[in-house]
């Protein structure tokens, strides 16, 4: 099980990617070494990923600051607050429901984040996505950033799709199935490939594709 913990891990992954796909060298030349993007494990970081869904990075960062200031980055606090209080922090009605569902799943044991970190990617994805509000993208981002899994990729991410289109001179943005097939060649460092592509997107488009 490869885990990305340090910049040396990133460097090893980048070297592998350039060896199997030389066009990654162009991206790294433009961006420098991609950021580590590691976050702690737990309820708060998982909720932060959900907060970032379908809003700009800047908006997500602003909402998350309010969530933390309001104490809603802890599951017991979320369960103790009413919906109006959670919405006052900037959470939409669906995201309030998702926050409660995750907090409840942690409380009743149906979601075990320690087990997600220790087990296989397949088992972790199954456990995470069984909880209301945790889709495939959210689970992949959690395993990539919070657990540090090196060989996982978020093929539904629009920024990754667009970055791949530009870097690889594709006629159109690859759909998730096409991008997933492309990413197979980047194993066992698909998580590093994602970091490189997000960084390249930032340089090419002038805006962040994912929160740091």
Protein backbone atom coordinates (compact mmCIF):
# COMPACT_ATOMS: atom_id res chain seq x y z
CA UNK A 1 0.00 0.00 0.00
CA UNK A 2 1.69 3.23 -1.14
CA UNK A 3 1.00 6.29 0.97
CA UNK A 4 2.01 9.83 0.01
CA UNK A 5 3.46 11.42 3.14
CA UNK A 6 6.40 13.58 2.05
CA UNK A 7 7.76 15.62 -0.84
CA UNK A 8 10.15 12.71 -1.49
CA UNK A 9 7.11 10.54 -2.18
CA UNK A 10 5.87 13.15 -4.63
CA UNK A 11 9.26 13.28 -6.33
CA UNK A 12 9.28 9.50 -6.74
CA UNK A 13 5.80 9.63 -8.22
CA UNK A 14 6.65 12.48 -10.57
CA UNK A 15 9.75 10.64 -11.83
CA UNK A 16 7.63 7.59 -12.56
CA UNK A 17 5.00 9.62 -14.39
CA UNK A 18 7.54 11.37 -16.60
CA UNK A 19 9.09 8.00 -17.43
CA UNK A 20 5.79 6.47 -18.54
CA UNK A 21 4.32 9.67 -20.07
CA UNK A 22 6.96 12.29 -21.01
CA UNK A 23 4.33 15.01 -21.43
CA UNK A 24 4.07 15.17 -17.66
CA UNK A 25 7.49 16.82 -17.79
CA UNK A 26 5.89 19.78 -19.58
CA UNK A 27 3.35 20.17 -16.77
CA UNK A 28 5.96 19.94 -14.02
CA UNK A 29 8.21 22.41 -15.85
CA UNK A 30 5.30 24.86 -15.88
CA UNK A 31 4.18 24.31 -12.30
CA UNK A 32 7.13 23.04 -10.32
CA UNK A 33 6.69 20.15 -7.92
CA UNK A 34 2.98 19.81 -7.06
CA UNK A 35 1.85 20.53 -3.50
CA UNK A 36 1.56 17.66 -1.05
CA UNK A 37 -2.09 18.51 -0.31
CA UNK A 38 -2.18 16.28 2.77
CA UNK A 39 -4.93 16.89 5.32
CA UNK A 40 -5.72 15.16 8.61
CA UNK A 41 -8.16 12.27 8.66
CA UNK A 42 -11.52 12.55 10.35
CA UNK A 43 -14.98 14.08 10.26
CA UNK A 44 -13.87 17.69 9.80
CA UNK A 45 -11.69 17.13 6.73
CA UNK A 46 -14.37 14.90 5.19
CA UNK A 47 -17.03 17.55 5.74
CA UNK A 48 -14.68 20.17 4.29
CA UNK A 49 -14.52 18.18 1.05
CA UNK A 50 -18.32 18.11 0.91
CA UNK A 51 -18.48 21.85 1.56
CA UNK A 52 -16.32 22.29 -1.54
CA UNK A 53 -18.74 20.47 -3.84
CA UNK A 54 -20.35 22.55 -6.61
CA UNK A 55 -18.98 25.88 -5.39
CA UNK A 56 -15.83 27.79 -6.25
CA UNK A 57 -12.68 27.17 -4.23
CA UNK A 58 -12.88 30.71 -2.83
CA UNK A 59 -16.51 30.28 -1.78
CA UNK A 60 -15.78 26.89 -0.22
CA UNK A 61 -12.90 28.31 1.78
CA UNK A 62 -15.12 31.12 3.10
CA UNK A 63 -17.90 28.76 4.13
CA UNK A 64 -15.46 26.41 5.78
CA UNK A 65 -14.01 29.19 7.91
CA UNK A 66 -17.51 29.92 9.19
CA UNK A 67 -18.16 26.23 9.85
CA UNK A 68 -14.97 25.97 11.93
CA UNK A 69 -15.70 29.20 13.78
CA UNK A 70 -19.17 27.85 14.58
CA UNK A 71 -17.76 24.58 15.88
CA UNK A 72 -19.54 22.48 13.26
CA UNK A 73 -16.36 20.67 12.23
CA UNK A 74 -17.01 18.13 15.01
CA UNK A 75 -19.67 15.40 14.61
CA UNK A 76 -21.13 15.75 18.10
CA UNK A 77 -21.53 19.49 17.55
CA UNK A 78 -23.32 18.96 14.24
CA UNK A 79 -25.77 16.57 15.90
CA UNK A 80 -26.39 19.07 18.70
CA UNK A 81 -27.12 22.03 16.39
CA UNK A 82 -30.45 22.61 14.65
CA UNK A 83 -30.73 23.02 10.90
CA UNK A 84 -31.14 26.79 11.04
CA UNK A 85 -27.91 27.17 13.00
CA UNK A 86 -26.02 25.02 10.51
CA UNK A 87 -27.47 26.88 7.56
CA UNK A 88 -26.46 30.19 9.15
CA UNK A 89 -22.87 29.00 8.80
CA UNK A 90 -23.31 28.78 5.04
CA UNK A 91 -24.29 25.13 4.59
CA UNK A 92 -27.03 24.49 2.06
CA UNK A 93 -30.00 22.31 3.03
CA UNK A 94 -28.52 19.25 1.26
CA UNK A 95 -25.13 19.77 2.91
CA UNK A 96 -26.75 20.08 6.33
CA UNK A 97 -28.37 16.70 5.65
CA UNK A 98 -25.04 15.23 4.53
CA UNK A 99 -23.22 16.56 7.58
CA UNK A 100 -25.82 14.96 9.85
CA UNK A 101 -25.71 11.67 7.94
CA UNK A 102 -21.93 11.42 8.29
CA UNK A 103 -22.04 12.35 11.97
CA UNK A 104 -24.74 9.72 12.58
CA UNK A 105 -22.77 7.08 10.65
CA UNK A 106 -19.70 7.76 12.76
CA UNK A 107 -21.76 7.57 15.93
CA UNK A 108 -23.45 4.28 15.06
CA UNK A 109 -20.26 2.75 13.66
CA UNK A 110 -21.48 2.16 10.12
CA UNK A 111 -18.68 4.51 9.02
CA UNK A 112 -15.26 3.71 10.48
CA UNK A 113 -12.65 6.11 9.12
CA UNK A 114 -9.79 4.19 10.75
CA UNK A 115 -10.89 1.09 8.85
CA UNK A 116 -11.10 3.12 5.66
CA UNK A 117 -7.49 4.14 6.13
CA UNK A 118 -6.25 0.65 6.91
CA UNK A 119 -8.19 -1.45 4.40
CA UNK A 120 -8.25 -1.74 0.66
CA UNK A 121 -9.30 1.13 -1.57
CA UNK A 122 -12.25 -0.92 -2.76
CA UNK A 123 -13.52 -1.58 0.77
CA UNK A 124 -12.95 2.05 1.79
CA UNK A 125 -14.84 3.33 -1.24
CA UNK A 126 -17.73 0.98 -0.49
CA UNK A 127 -17.97 2.06 3.14
CA UNK A 128 -17.67 5.77 2.39
CA UNK A 129 -20.14 5.88 -0.48
CA UNK A 130 -22.73 3.96 1.55
CA UNK A 131 -23.25 7.14 3.59
CA UNK A 132 -25.70 9.76 2.31
CA UNK A 133 -23.81 12.69 0.82
CA UNK A 134 -20.55 10.87 0.15
CA UNK A 135 -20.32 10.25 -3.57
CA UNK A 136 -17.49 8.69 -5.54
CA UNK A 137 -15.64 12.00 -6.01
CA UNK A 138 -15.82 12.86 -2.30
CA UNK A 139 -14.57 9.42 -1.30
CA UNK A 140 -11.70 9.58 -3.79
CA UNK A 141 -10.62 13.01 -2.62
CA UNK A 142 -10.76 11.91 1.02
CA UNK A 143 -8.63 8.84 0.35
CA UNK A 144 -6.20 10.86 -1.76
CA UNK A 145 -5.70 13.88 0.51
CA UNK A 146 -6.59 12.69 4.01
CA UNK A 147 -5.43 9.08 3.90
CA UNK A 148 -2.68 9.70 1.35
CA UNK A 149 -3.38 6.79 -0.99
CA UNK A 150 -0.95 7.08 -3.88
CA UNK A 151 -2.86 5.12 -6.50
CA UNK A 152 -6.29 6.69 -6.62
CA UNK A 153 -7.71 9.12 -9.16
CA UNK A 154 -10.84 11.28 -9.42
CA UNK A 155 -11.88 10.82 -13.04
CA UNK A 156 -15.15 12.74 -12.59
CA UNK A 157 -13.30 15.91 -11.57
CA UNK A 158 -13.87 18.57 -14.23
CA UNK A 159 -10.57 20.33 -13.57
CA UNK A 160 -8.66 17.08 -14.07
CA UNK A 161 -10.56 16.41 -17.28
CA UNK A 162 -9.85 19.88 -18.64
CA UNK A 163 -6.21 19.80 -17.58
CA UNK A 164 -5.75 16.46 -19.33
CA UNK A 165 -7.37 17.88 -22.47
CA UNK A 166 -4.89 20.75 -22.58
CA UNK A 167 -1.77 18.82 -21.57
CA UNK A 168 -2.36 15.93 -23.94
CA UNK A 169 -3.70 18.06 -26.83
CA UNK A 170 -7.05 16.26 -26.93
CA UNK A 171 -9.81 17.45 -29.24
CA UNK A 172 -12.32 17.48 -26.41
CA UNK A 173 -12.42 17.08 -22.67
CA UNK A 174 -12.23 13.36 -21.81
CA UNK A 175 -15.25 11.89 -20.07
CA UNK A 176 -14.71 9.97 -16.82
CA UNK A 177 -14.48 6.59 -18.53
CA UNK A 178 -11.87 7.85 -21.01
CA UNK A 179 -9.85 9.66 -18.35
CA UNK A 180 -9.94 6.60 -16.08
CA UNK A 181 -8.59 4.47 -18.91
CA UNK A 182 -5.81 7.01 -19.54
CA UNK A 183 -4.93 7.04 -15.85
CA UNK A 184 -4.42 3.27 -15.72
CA UNK A 185 -1.04 3.84 -17.37
CA UNK A 186 -0.01 6.14 -14.49
CA UNK A 187 -0.44 3.50 -11.78
CA UNK A 188 0.81 3.14 -9.06
CA UNK A 189 1.08 6.93 -8.79
CA UNK A 190 -2.29 8.12 -10.05
CA UNK A 191 -2.68 10.32 -6.96
CA UNK A 192 0.48 12.18 -7.95
CA UNK A 193 -0.79 12.47 -11.53
CA UNK A 194 -3.92 14.13 -10.15
CA UNK A 195 -1.83 16.61 -8.17
CA UNK A 196 0.24 17.47 -11.26
CA UNK A 197 -2.86 17.94 -13.38
CA UNK A 198 -4.54 20.17 -10.78
CA UNK A 199 -1.41 22.30 -10.59
CA UNK A 200 -1.28 22.50 -14.38
CA UNK A 201 -4.93 23.52 -14.47
CA UNK A 202 -4.14 26.34 -12.04
CA UNK A 203 -1.34 27.60 -14.26
CA UNK A 204 -3.26 27.24 -17.53
CA UNK A 205 -6.59 28.61 -16.33
CA UNK A 206 -5.47 31.03 -13.64
CA UNK A 207 -7.71 29.55 -11.00
CA UNK A 208 -7.54 26.68 -8.56
CA UNK A 209 -9.20 23.42 -9.52
CA UNK A 210 -9.26 22.05 -5.98
CA UNK A 211 -8.66 23.39 -2.48
CA UNK A 212 -5.08 23.06 -1.26
